[in-house]
Amino acid sequence: MEESFGDLKKGQKNCQRTVHCHVPCQGYFAPQKIEEALEILSKYGKEIKIIAGGTDLLVQYYDRLYEINHWLDLKNIQELKEINITQDEMEIGAMVTHTQLETSEDIKKYYPVLSQAAADIGSPQIRNRGTVGGNIVNASPAGDLLAPLMAYNAQFRLLSTTQEEKLVSAEEFFIGPKKTILEPAQLLTQIILPLPSERTYGSWIKIGKRKALIIAAITLALVVEMAEDHKTVKDVRTCLGSVAPTPIEIKEVKKKMAGKNFNQLDFKQLGQIVEDKISPIDDIRGTREYRKDVAKKIMIKALEEIDESMRGEEVI
């Protein structure tokens, strides 16, 4: 049974209220505009749960991890599904799916690490349903997209029910396992990425117990920007997942690499820095010692991959 949701705005037919649910609930709303979504959010506040792809939320819901009275589904808001490039940045809508990130030629060109990470998520069905916004707001320390977004200096655009807009860095946004600074009266609408220079290289490595349908034991997103001489390191972002309560950047790596000739770097020393600076926990996906050892090894491997990419361009 569905009935139009008319008490927000007369004639507002794009929002639906579903009374039939598998477990007790009162309403389901699927607006077509951000403004309508914010109006619904303003009315129900903490009583309403926002659905993006639902690949995590619905599993938790049917496991009875919490009770939800109202649902706000963003699936019909077209502007949240778009990938747009301006002169100096890319805007990715919060409802862009993992499959879109994986297959978009623009993402592959400018942010290959992000594209590769999206390709490693779950199964084809999960990638077709899951969204970048959902992965971000879910805030799992093992979230595959979080370290790459941090490595590319992502900012998240938050829009409040009072139409106040706020840009927050990925580093600021995550404050703990499954915890963010997002408030009940705010909606994540876009992810903003600065366009990298043509001298930017990256590597993505995900480690788990099998090759597909895994929650990562550790992830690494390494992004290196070279100076105009193509020899000197200009900037570095070394970001890891599943080694802390939130995705983290190892800033000591940048201090060691920036301004140096890439060919003269000691990869083993840089790997050791990563191992020394993380404090992972023991869990079902790996011990603390295992993660620290693997972190060093994949850092060395990532540097070798970037070195190989740069040498390949020299041959061409």
Protein backbone atom coordinates (compact mmCIF):
# COMPACT_ATOMS: atom_id res chain seq x y z
CA MET A 1 0.00 0.00 0.00
CA GLU A 2 1.39 3.40 -1.00
CA GLU A 3 -0.04 6.84 -0.50
CA SER A 4 1.25 10.24 -1.60
CA PHE A 5 2.98 12.17 1.14
CA GLY A 6 0.92 15.34 1.12
CA ASP A 7 1.51 16.84 4.55
CA LEU A 8 4.89 18.30 3.63
CA LYS A 9 3.79 20.20 0.60
CA LYS A 10 0.46 20.12 -1.18
CA GLY A 11 0.66 18.22 -4.44
CA GLN A 12 4.11 16.83 -3.72
CA LYS A 13 3.62 13.55 -5.57
CA ASN A 14 7.26 12.59 -5.87
CA CYS A 15 7.45 11.49 -2.23
CA GLN A 16 5.84 8.17 -1.42
CA ARG A 17 4.80 6.74 1.90
CA THR A 18 4.89 2.95 2.10
CA VAL A 19 2.92 1.40 4.93
CA HIS A 20 3.75 -2.25 4.12
CA CYS A 21 7.18 -3.23 5.55
CA HIS A 22 8.82 -6.54 6.42
CA VAL A 23 9.28 -5.25 9.96
CA PRO A 24 7.34 -2.47 11.72
CA CYS A 25 7.87 0.95 10.14
CA GLN A 26 5.72 3.94 9.37
CA GLY A 27 6.93 5.49 6.16
CA TYR A 28 9.12 5.30 3.08
CA PHE A 29 9.95 8.42 1.07
CA ALA A 30 11.71 8.64 -2.30
CA PRO A 31 11.89 12.31 -3.38
CA GLN A 32 13.20 13.45 -6.76
CA LYS A 33 14.89 16.65 -5.62
CA ILE A 34 17.47 17.45 -2.95
CA GLU A 35 15.21 20.20 -1.59
CA GLU A 36 12.42 17.68 -1.01
CA ALA A 37 14.82 15.29 0.71
CA LEU A 38 15.98 18.04 3.04
CA GLU A 39 12.38 18.97 3.83
CA ILE A 40 11.59 15.38 4.80
CA LEU A 41 14.81 15.17 6.79
CA SER A 42 13.87 18.36 8.62
CA LYS A 43 10.48 16.94 9.55
CA TYR A 44 11.65 13.57 10.89
CA GLY A 45 15.23 14.23 12.04
CA LYS A 46 16.71 11.32 13.99
CA GLU A 47 13.60 9.20 13.38
CA ILE A 48 14.40 8.74 9.69
CA LYS A 49 17.17 6.67 8.12
CA ILE A 50 18.72 7.62 4.78
CA ILE A 51 19.16 4.87 2.19
CA ALA A 52 21.69 5.12 -0.63
CA GLY A 53 22.34 1.68 -2.15
CA GLY A 54 21.29 -0.17 0.99
CA THR A 55 24.02 -2.81 0.69
CA ASP A 56 25.14 -2.27 4.30
CA LEU A 57 22.14 -0.57 5.87
CA LEU A 58 19.55 -3.18 4.91
CA VAL A 59 21.74 -6.04 6.12
CA GLN A 60 22.10 -4.32 9.49
CA TYR A 61 18.37 -3.56 9.56
CA TYR A 62 17.27 -7.15 8.90
CA ASP A 63 19.76 -8.32 11.52
CA ARG A 64 17.71 -6.16 13.93
CA LEU A 65 20.68 -4.00 14.86
CA TYR A 66 18.37 -1.02 15.20
CA GLU A 67 14.76 0.04 14.72
CA ILE A 68 13.81 2.42 11.93
CA ASN A 69 10.48 4.25 11.81
CA HIS A 70 10.95 6.08 8.52
CA TRP A 71 13.10 5.64 5.41
CA LEU A 72 14.42 8.36 3.11
CA ASP A 73 15.57 6.80 -0.17
CA LEU A 74 17.76 8.99 -2.41
CA LYS A 75 17.54 6.71 -5.46
CA ASN A 76 15.36 9.09 -7.51
CA ILE A 77 17.51 12.22 -7.12
CA GLN A 78 19.26 12.45 -10.48
CA GLU A 79 21.74 15.19 -9.58
CA LEU A 80 23.24 12.92 -6.92
CA LYS A 81 24.06 10.33 -9.61
CA GLU A 82 26.22 12.59 -11.78
CA ILE A 83 29.97 12.89 -12.32
CA ASN A 84 30.94 16.38 -13.49
CA ILE A 85 34.29 18.01 -14.29
CA THR A 86 34.94 21.72 -13.92
CA GLN A 87 38.14 23.59 -14.75
CA ASP A 88 40.03 22.43 -11.68
CA GLU A 89 37.96 19.77 -9.90
CA MET A 90 35.63 16.83 -10.27
CA GLU A 91 32.28 16.53 -8.52
CA ILE A 92 31.00 13.03 -7.81
CA GLY A 93 27.40 12.71 -6.66
CA ALA A 94 26.82 10.77 -3.46
CA MET A 95 24.56 8.30 -5.31
CA VAL A 96 27.16 7.40 -7.94
CA THR A 97 27.57 3.62 -7.80
CA HIS A 98 30.77 1.64 -7.41
CA THR A 99 30.24 0.35 -10.95
CA GLN A 100 30.14 3.93 -12.25
CA LEU A 101 33.41 4.69 -10.45
CA GLU A 102 34.95 1.52 -11.85
CA THR A 103 33.92 2.13 -15.47
CA SER A 104 33.95 5.93 -15.83
CA GLU A 105 36.66 6.97 -18.30
CA ASP A 106 37.14 10.25 -16.43
CA ILE A 107 37.66 8.45 -13.12
CA LYS A 108 40.11 6.04 -14.76
CA LYS A 109 42.02 8.95 -16.29
CA TYR A 110 42.28 11.25 -13.29
CA TYR A 111 41.80 8.95 -10.28
CA PRO A 112 42.88 5.41 -11.25
CA VAL A 113 43.41 4.39 -7.63
CA LEU A 114 39.76 5.19 -6.88
CA SER A 115 38.60 3.27 -9.96
CA GLN A 116 40.66 0.23 -8.98
CA ALA A 117 39.35 0.35 -5.41
CA ALA A 118 35.75 0.45 -6.66
CA ALA A 119 36.45 -2.59 -8.83
CA ASP A 120 37.56 -4.51 -5.73
CA ILE A 121 34.35 -3.95 -3.78
CA GLY A 122 32.18 -6.99 -3.09
CA SER A 123 30.47 -8.62 -6.05
CA PRO A 124 29.00 -7.22 -9.30
CA GLN A 125 25.61 -7.03 -7.60
CA ILE A 126 27.01 -5.03 -4.69
CA ARG A 127 28.94 -2.72 -7.04
CA ASN A 128 25.79 -2.10 -9.06
CA ARG A 129 23.80 -1.13 -5.96
CA GLY A 130 26.35 0.29 -3.55
CA THR A 131 27.22 3.99 -3.73
CA VAL A 132 30.19 6.18 -2.96
CA GLY A 133 28.10 8.19 -0.51
CA GLY A 134 26.97 5.07 1.30
CA ASN A 135 30.54 3.80 1.58
CA ILE A 136 31.60 7.13 3.06
CA VAL A 137 28.75 7.58 5.55
CA ASN A 138 28.95 3.93 6.65
CA ALA A 139 32.48 4.87 7.80
CA SER A 140 33.81 1.36 8.21
CA PRO A 141 37.57 1.41 8.91
CA ALA A 142 37.76 -1.21 6.13
CA GLY A 143 35.71 0.81 3.62
CA ASP A 144 37.48 0.36 0.28
CA LEU A 145 36.91 3.88 -1.07
CA LEU A 146 37.97 5.79 2.04
CA ALA A 147 41.77 5.58 1.76
CA PRO A 148 41.74 6.44 -1.99
CA LEU A 149 39.47 9.43 -1.40
CA MET A 150 41.76 10.66 1.35
CA ALA A 151 44.80 10.11 -0.89
CA TYR A 152 43.24 12.31 -3.58
CA ASN A 153 42.49 15.11 -1.08
CA ALA A 154 38.72 14.65 -1.27
CA GLN A 155 36.30 17.06 0.31
CA PHE A 156 32.70 16.19 1.14
CA ARG A 157 29.88 18.64 0.50
CA LEU A 158 27.31 18.57 3.29
CA LEU A 159 23.97 20.32 2.93
CA SER A 160 21.81 21.01 5.97
CA THR A 161 18.04 21.28 6.27
CA THR A 162 18.52 25.05 6.55
CA GLN A 163 20.30 25.01 3.14
CA GLU A 164 23.65 25.72 4.79
CA GLU A 165 26.51 24.22 2.78
CA LYS A 166 29.73 22.94 4.32
CA LEU A 167 32.87 21.44 2.77
CA VAL A 168 34.74 18.97 4.97
CA SER A 169 37.99 17.14 4.23
CA ALA A 170 38.03 13.35 4.35
CA GLU A 171 40.47 13.57 7.25
CA GLU A 172 38.02 15.67 9.29
CA PHE A 173 34.92 13.69 8.36
CA PHE A 174 35.81 10.35 9.95
CA ILE A 175 36.06 10.36 13.74
CA GLY A 176 35.80 6.67 14.67
CA PRO A 177 34.57 3.24 13.56
CA LYS A 178 31.17 3.84 11.93
CA LYS A 179 31.31 7.43 13.22
CA THR A 180 31.46 10.71 11.28
CA ILE A 181 30.78 14.38 11.91
CA LEU A 182 27.63 14.18 9.76
CA GLU A 183 24.69 15.51 11.77
CA PRO A 184 21.07 14.25 11.61
CA ALA A 185 20.06 17.46 9.83
CA GLN A 186 22.75 17.12 7.13
CA LEU A 187 22.94 15.29 3.82
CA LEU A 188 26.12 14.28 1.99
CA THR A 189 25.51 15.45 -1.58
CA GLN A 190 28.83 15.49 -3.45
CA ILE A 191 32.45 14.45 -3.22
CA ILE A 192 34.85 17.10 -4.53
CA LEU A 193 38.25 16.05 -5.88
CA PRO A 194 40.92 18.48 -7.14
CA LEU A 195 42.09 17.54 -10.63
CA PRO A 196 45.60 16.05 -10.35
CA SER A 197 48.48 17.07 -12.58
CA GLU A 198 49.60 14.84 -15.45
CA ARG A 199 52.64 13.97 -13.35
CA THR A 200 50.58 12.14 -10.73
CA TYR A 201 50.96 8.39 -10.18
CA GLY A 202 49.15 6.02 -7.88
CA SER A 203 48.94 2.50 -6.54
CA TRP A 204 46.10 0.62 -4.85
CA ILE A 205 46.59 -2.58 -2.87
CA LYS A 206 43.94 -4.52 -0.94
CA ILE A 207 44.79 -7.53 1.18
CA GLY A 208 42.26 -10.11 2.38
CA LYS A 209 41.66 -13.82 2.79
CA ARG A 210 40.38 -14.27 -0.77
CA LYS A 211 40.20 -12.32 -4.03
CA ALA A 212 36.52 -11.36 -4.02
CA LEU A 213 33.70 -10.61 -1.58
CA ILE A 214 36.11 -9.73 1.20
CA ILE A 215 36.33 -7.18 3.96
CA ALA A 216 39.91 -5.97 3.77
CA ALA A 217 42.53 -6.89 6.35
CA ILE A 218 44.46 -3.85 5.12
CA THR A 219 44.29 -1.39 2.22
CA LEU A 220 46.83 1.08 0.87
CA ALA A 221 46.29 4.01 -1.47
CA LEU A 222 49.53 5.74 -2.47
CA VAL A 223 49.45 8.85 -4.65
CA VAL A 224 52.69 10.55 -5.73
CA GLU A 225 52.93 13.82 -7.66
CA MET A 226 56.21 14.59 -9.40
CA ALA A 227 57.71 18.02 -10.08
CA GLU A 228 58.09 19.33 -13.63
CA ASP A 229 61.51 17.72 -13.97
CA HIS A 230 59.79 14.31 -13.57
CA LYS A 231 62.50 13.30 -11.09
CA THR A 232 61.74 15.23 -7.91
CA VAL A 233 58.85 14.26 -5.66
CA LYS A 234 56.48 17.21 -5.23
CA ASP A 235 53.74 15.70 -3.06
CA VAL A 236 52.83 12.34 -1.52
CA ARG A 237 49.72 10.94 0.12
CA THR A 238 50.09 7.55 1.84
CA CYS A 239 46.70 6.46 3.14
CA LEU A 240 45.68 3.17 4.73
CA GLY A 241 42.48 1.46 5.81
CA SER A 242 41.82 -1.29 8.37
CA VAL A 243 44.81 -0.31 10.51
CA ALA A 244 43.12 2.29 12.76
CA PRO A 245 39.62 3.37 13.86
CA THR A 246 39.47 5.57 10.74
CA PRO A 247 41.36 5.70 7.44
CA ILE A 248 44.69 7.43 8.08
CA GLU A 249 47.48 9.22 6.25
CA ILE A 250 51.09 8.46 7.19
CA LYS A 251 52.40 12.01 6.95
CA GLU A 252 55.94 11.02 7.89
CA VAL A 253 56.27 9.42 4.45
CA LYS A 254 55.66 12.78 2.80
CA LYS A 255 58.30 14.41 4.99
CA LYS A 256 60.78 11.77 3.89
CA MET A 257 59.93 11.84 0.16
CA ALA A 258 59.02 15.44 -0.73
CA GLY A 259 61.80 17.29 -2.50
CA LYS A 260 63.83 14.12 -3.07
CA ASN A 261 64.81 12.39 -6.30
CA PHE A 262 62.41 9.45 -6.60
CA ASN A 263 65.12 7.19 -8.02
CA GLN A 264 67.26 7.73 -4.92
CA LEU A 265 64.60 6.84 -2.37
CA ASP A 266 65.06 3.87 -0.06
CA PHE A 267 61.82 1.92 -0.52
CA LYS A 268 62.54 -0.41 2.39
CA GLN A 269 63.06 2.55 4.72
CA LEU A 270 59.74 4.04 3.62
CA GLY A 271 58.04 0.70 4.18
CA GLN A 272 59.49 0.60 7.67
CA ILE A 273 58.11 4.07 8.40
CA VAL A 274 54.62 2.85 7.52
CA GLU A 275 55.01 -0.21 9.73
CA ASP A 276 56.24 1.88 12.65
CA LYS A 277 53.49 4.50 12.42
CA ILE A 278 50.42 2.26 12.45
CA SER A 279 48.79 0.69 15.51
CA PRO A 280 46.32 -1.91 14.22
CA ILE A 281 44.31 -4.27 16.39
CA ASP A 282 43.84 -8.03 16.41
CA ASP A 283 40.58 -9.20 14.85
CA ILE A 284 39.20 -12.04 12.73
CA ARG A 285 40.87 -10.64 9.60
CA GLY A 286 44.38 -10.48 10.99
CA THR A 287 46.61 -9.89 13.98
CA ARG A 288 48.37 -6.65 14.83
CA GLU A 289 51.75 -8.16 13.91
CA TYR A 290 50.43 -9.48 10.60
CA ARG A 291 49.01 -6.11 9.61
CA LYS A 292 52.18 -4.24 10.52
CA ASP A 293 54.34 -6.65 8.52
CA VAL A 294 51.99 -6.55 5.52
CA ALA A 295 51.80 -2.75 5.65
CA LYS A 296 55.56 -2.54 5.17
CA LYS A 297 55.53 -5.02 2.30
CA ILE A 298 52.66 -3.44 0.39
CA MET A 299 54.19 0.02 0.78
CA ILE A 300 57.37 -1.27 -0.87
CA LYS A 301 55.29 -2.95 -3.57
CA ALA A 302 53.29 0.24 -4.21
CA LEU A 303 56.47 2.29 -4.60
CA GLU A 304 57.84 -0.31 -7.01
CA GLU A 305 54.64 -0.16 -9.06
CA ILE A 306 54.86 3.62 -9.31
CA ASP A 307 58.55 3.38 -10.21
CA GLU A 308 57.67 0.91 -12.97
CA SER A 309 54.94 3.22 -14.29
CA MET A 310 57.33 6.17 -14.50
CA ARG A 311 60.04 4.08 -16.18
CA GLY A 312 57.47 2.82 -18.68
CA GLU A 313 56.72 6.40 -19.69
CA GLU A 314 60.42 7.07 -20.18
CA VAL A 315 60.63 4.15 -22.63
CA ILE A 316 57.69 5.50 -24.59
